[in-house]
């Protein structure tokens, strides 16, 4: 009995060390966390947004949630649940789903592009002004 208990304690500790949690693995968990951020009960169109974000980020982290990726996904879902374009897309059916997916990818590309631009210009400045 003690060996079994010790085994479970070790597994629990290992899961925390490697950055994942079995608790955070379903869309229901994401609904609850986004609901907390929004401060109201999740509506059907918001569930569509959360589902899309969940699948996008879950695939992006190779089907293995990390704490950082989970937090990013929850934050992005809450943000898009308040975005008028995303809300309209979520209410528009299949076309809306494709539009929502495009918005997610475009937003990430813009952020990545800005970061790359800043890094490149910073390096250029350092070369010009040593």
N, C-alpha and C. Protein backbone atom coordinates (compact mmCIF):
# COMPACT_ATOMS: atom_id res chain seq x y z
N UNK A 1 0.82 -1.19 0.00
CA UNK A 1 0.00 0.00 0.00
C UNK A 1 0.86 1.25 0.00
N UNK A 2 1.92 1.25 0.82
CA UNK A 2 2.80 2.41 0.89
C UNK A 2 3.53 2.62 -0.43
N UNK A 3 3.89 1.51 -1.10
CA UNK A 3 4.58 1.62 -2.39
C UNK A 3 3.68 2.24 -3.44
N UNK A 4 2.42 1.86 -3.43
CA UNK A 4 1.46 2.41 -4.38
C UNK A 4 1.26 3.91 -4.13
N UNK A 5 1.11 4.28 -2.88
CA UNK A 5 0.96 5.68 -2.51
C UNK A 5 2.19 6.48 -2.90
N UNK A 6 3.36 5.93 -2.62
CA UNK A 6 4.61 6.58 -2.98
C UNK A 6 4.71 6.76 -4.49
N UNK A 7 4.31 5.74 -5.25
CA UNK A 7 4.33 5.81 -6.70
C UNK A 7 3.46 6.97 -7.20
N UNK A 8 2.25 7.11 -6.67
CA UNK A 8 1.35 8.18 -7.10
C UNK A 8 1.88 9.56 -6.72
N UNK A 9 2.49 9.66 -5.57
CA UNK A 9 3.08 10.94 -5.15
C UNK A 9 4.22 11.32 -6.10
N UNK A 10 5.05 10.36 -6.44
CA UNK A 10 6.16 10.61 -7.36
C UNK A 10 5.63 11.02 -8.74
N UNK A 11 4.61 10.34 -9.22
CA UNK A 11 4.04 10.67 -10.52
C UNK A 11 3.43 12.08 -10.51
N UNK A 12 2.77 12.44 -9.43
CA UNK A 12 2.20 13.78 -9.31
C UNK A 12 3.29 14.84 -9.34
N UNK A 13 4.36 14.59 -8.61
CA UNK A 13 5.48 15.54 -8.58
C UNK A 13 6.15 15.62 -9.95
N UNK A 14 6.30 14.51 -10.62
CA UNK A 14 6.92 14.50 -11.94
C UNK A 14 6.09 15.28 -12.94
N UNK A 15 4.79 15.16 -12.84
CA UNK A 15 3.93 15.90 -13.77
C UNK A 15 4.08 17.40 -13.58
N UNK A 16 4.30 17.85 -12.36
CA UNK A 16 4.50 19.27 -12.11
C UNK A 16 5.87 19.73 -12.61
N UNK A 17 6.88 18.89 -12.44
CA UNK A 17 8.23 19.24 -12.87
C UNK A 17 8.29 19.39 -14.38
N UNK A 18 7.62 18.51 -15.11
CA UNK A 18 7.68 18.54 -16.56
C UNK A 18 6.67 19.48 -17.18
N UNK A 19 5.96 20.24 -16.39
CA UNK A 19 5.16 21.33 -16.91
C UNK A 19 3.80 20.97 -17.46
N UNK A 20 3.23 19.86 -17.08
CA UNK A 20 1.88 19.59 -17.55
C UNK A 20 1.02 19.17 -16.38
N UNK A 21 -0.26 19.29 -16.61
CA UNK A 21 -1.20 18.92 -15.56
C UNK A 21 -2.34 18.15 -16.18
N UNK A 22 -2.66 17.01 -15.62
CA UNK A 22 -3.75 16.20 -16.16
C UNK A 22 -5.08 16.93 -16.06
N UNK A 23 -5.20 17.85 -15.12
CA UNK A 23 -6.44 18.59 -14.92
C UNK A 23 -6.77 19.45 -16.14
N UNK A 24 -5.77 20.05 -16.72
CA UNK A 24 -5.99 20.97 -17.82
C UNK A 24 -5.84 20.23 -19.15
N UNK A 25 -6.89 19.61 -19.57
CA UNK A 25 -6.75 18.86 -20.81
C UNK A 25 -7.99 18.87 -21.69
N UNK A 26 -9.09 19.41 -21.21
CA UNK A 26 -10.32 19.34 -22.00
C UNK A 26 -10.85 20.74 -22.31
N UNK A 27 -11.75 20.78 -23.28
CA UNK A 27 -12.39 22.05 -23.59
C UNK A 27 -13.23 22.53 -22.41
N UNK A 28 -13.76 21.59 -21.64
CA UNK A 28 -14.54 21.99 -20.46
C UNK A 28 -13.67 22.78 -19.48
N UNK A 29 -12.43 22.34 -19.29
CA UNK A 29 -11.51 23.08 -18.43
C UNK A 29 -11.26 24.48 -18.98
N UNK A 30 -11.13 24.55 -20.31
CA UNK A 30 -10.89 25.85 -20.92
C UNK A 30 -12.13 26.74 -20.80
N UNK A 31 -13.32 26.16 -20.98
CA UNK A 31 -14.56 26.93 -20.80
C UNK A 31 -14.57 27.58 -19.41
N UNK A 32 -14.22 26.79 -18.40
CA UNK A 32 -14.26 27.28 -17.02
C UNK A 32 -13.28 28.43 -16.81
N UNK A 33 -12.06 28.30 -17.34
CA UNK A 33 -11.07 29.35 -17.14
C UNK A 33 -11.40 30.62 -17.92
N UNK A 34 -11.91 30.45 -19.13
CA UNK A 34 -12.30 31.63 -19.91
C UNK A 34 -13.50 32.30 -19.25
N UNK A 35 -14.43 31.51 -18.76
CA UNK A 35 -15.59 32.03 -18.06
C UNK A 35 -15.16 32.89 -16.87
N UNK A 36 -14.15 32.43 -16.13
CA UNK A 36 -13.63 33.21 -15.00
C UNK A 36 -13.07 34.55 -15.49
N UNK A 37 -12.34 34.53 -16.59
CA UNK A 37 -11.75 35.77 -17.10
C UNK A 37 -12.82 36.73 -17.60
N UNK A 38 -13.86 36.19 -18.24
CA UNK A 38 -14.90 37.05 -18.80
C UNK A 38 -15.87 37.55 -17.74
N UNK A 39 -16.03 36.77 -16.69
CA UNK A 39 -16.94 37.17 -15.62
C UNK A 39 -18.40 36.89 -15.90
N UNK A 40 -18.69 36.02 -16.85
CA UNK A 40 -20.07 35.61 -17.11
C UNK A 40 -20.09 34.19 -17.68
N UNK A 41 -21.27 33.60 -17.68
CA UNK A 41 -21.42 32.24 -18.20
C UNK A 41 -21.17 32.23 -19.72
N UNK A 42 -20.45 31.21 -20.15
CA UNK A 42 -20.10 31.08 -21.57
C UNK A 42 -21.35 30.81 -22.40
N UNK A 43 -21.48 31.57 -23.49
CA UNK A 43 -22.60 31.37 -24.41
C UNK A 43 -22.16 30.44 -25.55
N UNK A 44 -23.14 29.99 -26.34
CA UNK A 44 -22.87 29.01 -27.40
C UNK A 44 -21.83 29.53 -28.39
N UNK A 45 -21.95 30.78 -28.83
CA UNK A 45 -20.99 31.31 -29.80
C UNK A 45 -19.59 31.40 -29.17
N UNK A 46 -19.51 31.65 -27.88
CA UNK A 46 -18.22 31.70 -27.20
C UNK A 46 -17.61 30.30 -27.11
N UNK A 47 -18.46 29.29 -26.96
CA UNK A 47 -17.96 27.92 -26.98
C UNK A 47 -17.32 27.61 -28.33
N UNK A 48 -17.90 28.11 -29.42
CA UNK A 48 -17.32 27.90 -30.75
C UNK A 48 -15.93 28.53 -30.84
N UNK A 49 -15.80 29.73 -30.30
CA UNK A 49 -14.50 30.40 -30.29
C UNK A 49 -13.49 29.61 -29.47
N UNK A 50 -13.90 29.20 -28.28
CA UNK A 50 -13.01 28.45 -27.39
C UNK A 50 -12.61 27.12 -28.02
N UNK A 51 -13.56 26.42 -28.64
CA UNK A 51 -13.25 25.15 -29.31
C UNK A 51 -12.20 25.34 -30.40
N UNK A 52 -12.35 26.39 -31.19
CA UNK A 52 -11.41 26.67 -32.27
C UNK A 52 -10.01 26.97 -31.71
N UNK A 53 -9.96 27.80 -30.68
CA UNK A 53 -8.68 28.13 -30.05
C UNK A 53 -8.06 26.88 -29.44
N UNK A 54 -8.87 26.09 -28.76
CA UNK A 54 -8.39 24.87 -28.11
C UNK A 54 -7.71 23.97 -29.14
N UNK A 55 -8.40 23.69 -30.25
CA UNK A 55 -7.85 22.79 -31.26
C UNK A 55 -6.60 23.36 -31.91
N UNK A 56 -6.61 24.66 -32.18
CA UNK A 56 -5.46 25.29 -32.82
C UNK A 56 -4.21 25.18 -31.95
N UNK A 57 -4.34 25.58 -30.68
CA UNK A 57 -3.18 25.56 -29.80
C UNK A 57 -2.79 24.14 -29.38
N UNK A 58 -3.75 23.24 -29.26
CA UNK A 58 -3.45 21.86 -28.91
C UNK A 58 -2.61 21.21 -30.00
N UNK A 59 -2.98 21.49 -31.24
CA UNK A 59 -2.21 20.98 -32.36
C UNK A 59 -0.83 21.65 -32.40
N UNK A 60 -0.80 22.94 -32.11
CA UNK A 60 0.45 23.69 -32.15
C UNK A 60 1.47 23.17 -31.12
N UNK A 61 0.98 22.68 -29.98
CA UNK A 61 1.91 22.15 -28.96
C UNK A 61 2.05 20.63 -29.08
N UNK A 62 1.81 20.11 -30.28
CA UNK A 62 1.98 18.69 -30.59
C UNK A 62 1.20 17.77 -29.66
N UNK A 63 -0.03 18.13 -29.40
CA UNK A 63 -0.97 17.31 -28.63
C UNK A 63 -0.53 17.09 -27.19
N UNK A 64 0.27 18.00 -26.66
CA UNK A 64 0.75 17.88 -25.29
C UNK A 64 0.79 19.26 -24.66
N UNK A 65 -0.21 19.57 -23.85
CA UNK A 65 -0.30 20.89 -23.25
C UNK A 65 0.86 21.16 -22.31
N UNK A 66 1.45 22.33 -22.43
CA UNK A 66 2.37 22.84 -21.43
C UNK A 66 1.62 23.93 -20.68
N UNK A 67 2.10 24.27 -19.51
CA UNK A 67 1.43 25.31 -18.72
C UNK A 67 1.43 26.65 -19.49
N UNK A 68 2.55 26.96 -20.11
CA UNK A 68 2.66 28.22 -20.86
C UNK A 68 1.70 28.25 -22.05
N UNK A 69 1.64 27.15 -22.80
CA UNK A 69 0.76 27.10 -23.96
C UNK A 69 -0.70 27.14 -23.52
N UNK A 70 -1.02 26.48 -22.40
CA UNK A 70 -2.39 26.50 -21.88
C UNK A 70 -2.80 27.93 -21.55
N UNK A 71 -1.95 28.65 -20.83
CA UNK A 71 -2.25 30.03 -20.44
C UNK A 71 -2.41 30.92 -21.66
N UNK A 72 -1.55 30.74 -22.65
CA UNK A 72 -1.64 31.50 -23.89
C UNK A 72 -2.97 31.25 -24.58
N UNK A 73 -3.36 29.99 -24.66
CA UNK A 73 -4.62 29.62 -25.32
C UNK A 73 -5.83 30.19 -24.57
N UNK A 74 -5.82 30.10 -23.26
CA UNK A 74 -6.94 30.63 -22.46
C UNK A 74 -7.04 32.14 -22.64
N UNK A 75 -5.89 32.82 -22.59
CA UNK A 75 -5.89 34.28 -22.77
C UNK A 75 -6.39 34.67 -24.15
N UNK A 76 -5.94 33.96 -25.17
CA UNK A 76 -6.37 34.25 -26.54
C UNK A 76 -7.86 33.98 -26.71
N UNK A 77 -8.37 32.92 -26.10
CA UNK A 77 -9.80 32.61 -26.18
C UNK A 77 -10.62 33.71 -25.52
N UNK A 78 -10.20 34.15 -24.35
CA UNK A 78 -10.92 35.23 -23.66
C UNK A 78 -10.88 36.52 -24.47
N UNK A 79 -9.73 36.79 -25.08
CA UNK A 79 -9.59 38.00 -25.90
C UNK A 79 -10.53 37.95 -27.10
N UNK A 80 -10.56 36.80 -27.78
CA UNK A 80 -11.41 36.68 -28.97
C UNK A 80 -12.90 36.63 -28.64
N UNK A 81 -13.24 36.18 -27.44
CA UNK A 81 -14.65 36.19 -27.03
C UNK A 81 -15.16 37.63 -26.86
N UNK A 82 -14.25 38.58 -26.76
CA UNK A 82 -14.63 39.98 -26.62
C UNK A 82 -14.40 40.78 -27.90
N UNK A 83 -13.90 40.12 -28.92
CA UNK A 83 -13.62 40.76 -30.20
C UNK A 83 -14.86 40.70 -31.09
N UNK A 84 -15.34 41.84 -31.56
CA UNK A 84 -16.59 41.90 -32.33
C UNK A 84 -16.52 41.10 -33.63
N UNK A 85 -15.38 41.14 -34.30
CA UNK A 85 -15.23 40.39 -35.55
C UNK A 85 -15.26 38.89 -35.27
N UNK A 86 -14.56 38.45 -34.22
CA UNK A 86 -14.54 37.04 -33.87
C UNK A 86 -15.93 36.56 -33.44
N UNK A 87 -16.64 37.39 -32.69
CA UNK A 87 -17.99 37.04 -32.25
C UNK A 87 -18.90 36.88 -33.47
N UNK A 88 -18.81 37.83 -34.42
CA UNK A 88 -19.63 37.74 -35.64
C UNK A 88 -19.28 36.48 -36.42
N UNK A 89 -17.99 36.17 -36.49
CA UNK A 89 -17.56 34.97 -37.21
C UNK A 89 -18.08 33.71 -36.52
N UNK A 90 -18.03 33.68 -35.21
CA UNK A 90 -18.50 32.50 -34.46
C UNK A 90 -19.99 32.29 -34.64
N UNK A 91 -20.72 33.35 -34.88
CA UNK A 91 -22.16 33.25 -35.07
C UNK A 91 -22.54 32.93 -36.51
N UNK A 92 -21.56 32.92 -37.42
CA UNK A 92 -21.83 32.78 -38.85
C UNK A 92 -21.69 31.36 -39.38
N UNK A 93 -21.54 30.38 -38.56
CA UNK A 93 -21.49 28.99 -39.01
C UNK A 93 -20.14 28.60 -39.58
N UNK A 94 -20.15 27.76 -40.66
CA UNK A 94 -18.92 27.21 -41.23
C UNK A 94 -18.03 28.31 -41.77
N UNK A 95 -18.61 29.27 -42.47
CA UNK A 95 -17.82 30.40 -42.96
C UNK A 95 -17.17 31.12 -41.79
N UNK A 96 -17.92 31.31 -40.74
CA UNK A 96 -17.40 31.98 -39.55
C UNK A 96 -16.27 31.21 -38.91
N UNK A 97 -16.37 29.89 -38.93
CA UNK A 97 -15.30 29.07 -38.35
C UNK A 97 -14.01 29.26 -39.12
N UNK A 98 -14.10 29.29 -40.44
CA UNK A 98 -12.91 29.50 -41.27
C UNK A 98 -12.36 30.91 -41.06
N UNK A 99 -13.25 31.89 -40.94
CA UNK A 99 -12.82 33.25 -40.69
C UNK A 99 -12.13 33.35 -39.34
N UNK A 100 -12.68 32.70 -38.34
CA UNK A 100 -12.10 32.70 -37.00
C UNK A 100 -10.71 32.07 -37.01
N UNK A 101 -10.57 30.95 -37.71
CA UNK A 101 -9.26 30.31 -37.82
C UNK A 101 -8.26 31.23 -38.51
N UNK A 102 -8.72 31.93 -39.53
CA UNK A 102 -7.85 32.86 -40.24
C UNK A 102 -7.43 34.02 -39.35
N UNK A 103 -8.35 34.51 -38.52
CA UNK A 103 -8.02 35.58 -37.59
C UNK A 103 -6.93 35.16 -36.61
N UNK A 104 -7.03 33.94 -36.11
CA UNK A 104 -6.04 33.43 -35.15
C UNK A 104 -4.66 33.39 -35.79
N UNK A 105 -4.58 32.82 -36.98
CA UNK A 105 -3.29 32.70 -37.66
C UNK A 105 -2.75 34.08 -38.03
N UNK A 106 -3.61 34.96 -38.52
CA UNK A 106 -3.17 36.31 -38.90
C UNK A 106 -2.64 37.08 -37.70
N UNK A 107 -3.31 36.98 -36.57
CA UNK A 107 -2.86 37.66 -35.37
C UNK A 107 -1.48 37.17 -34.96
N UNK A 108 -1.27 35.87 -34.99
CA UNK A 108 0.04 35.33 -34.65
C UNK A 108 1.11 35.77 -35.64
N UNK A 109 0.76 35.82 -36.93
CA UNK A 109 1.72 36.26 -37.94
C UNK A 109 2.12 37.71 -37.74
N UNK A 110 1.15 38.55 -37.39
CA UNK A 110 1.43 39.96 -37.16
C UNK A 110 2.38 40.13 -35.98
N UNK A 111 2.08 39.45 -34.88
CA UNK A 111 2.94 39.54 -33.70
C UNK A 111 4.35 39.04 -34.03
N UNK A 112 4.44 37.93 -34.73
CA UNK A 112 5.73 37.39 -35.12
C UNK A 112 6.47 38.35 -36.04
N UNK A 113 5.76 38.95 -36.98
CA UNK A 113 6.36 39.90 -37.91
C UNK A 113 6.89 41.13 -37.19
N UNK A 114 6.14 41.64 -36.24
CA UNK A 114 6.59 42.80 -35.47
C UNK A 114 7.83 42.46 -34.67
N UNK A 115 7.82 41.30 -34.03
CA UNK A 115 8.99 40.87 -33.26
C UNK A 115 10.23 40.74 -34.16
N UNK A 116 10.06 40.14 -35.33
CA UNK A 116 11.18 39.99 -36.27
C UNK A 116 11.67 41.36 -36.74
N UNK A 117 10.76 42.26 -37.05
CA UNK A 117 11.13 43.59 -37.49
C UNK A 117 11.91 44.32 -36.41
N UNK A 118 11.43 44.26 -35.17
CA UNK A 118 12.13 44.91 -34.06
C UNK A 118 13.54 44.34 -33.88
N UNK A 119 13.66 43.03 -33.92
CA UNK A 119 14.97 42.40 -33.77
C UNK A 119 15.91 42.80 -34.89
N UNK A 120 15.42 42.79 -36.14
CA UNK A 120 16.25 43.15 -37.28
C UNK A 120 16.70 44.60 -37.20
N UNK A 121 15.79 45.49 -36.88
CA UNK A 121 16.14 46.92 -36.80
C UNK A 121 17.07 47.20 -35.64
N UNK A 122 16.91 46.49 -34.56
CA UNK A 122 17.80 46.64 -33.42
C UNK A 122 19.22 46.22 -33.79
N UNK A 123 19.36 45.10 -34.50
CA UNK A 123 20.67 44.64 -34.95
C UNK A 123 21.27 45.64 -35.94
N UNK A 124 20.44 46.16 -36.83
CA UNK A 124 20.91 47.16 -37.80
C UNK A 124 21.43 48.40 -37.08
N UNK A 125 20.72 48.84 -36.06
CA UNK A 125 21.14 50.00 -35.27
C UNK A 125 22.50 49.74 -34.62
N UNK A 126 22.65 48.55 -34.06
CA UNK A 126 23.91 48.21 -33.41
C UNK A 126 25.07 48.21 -34.40
N UNK A 127 24.82 47.79 -35.64
CA UNK A 127 25.86 47.79 -36.66
C UNK A 127 26.23 49.21 -37.10
N UNK A 128 25.22 50.06 -37.22
CA UNK A 128 25.44 51.43 -37.65
C UNK A 128 26.04 52.32 -36.57
N UNK A 129 25.68 52.04 -35.32
CA UNK A 129 26.10 52.87 -34.20
C UNK A 129 26.78 52.01 -33.13
N UNK A 130 28.00 51.59 -33.42
CA UNK A 130 28.68 50.69 -32.47
C UNK A 130 29.04 51.29 -31.16
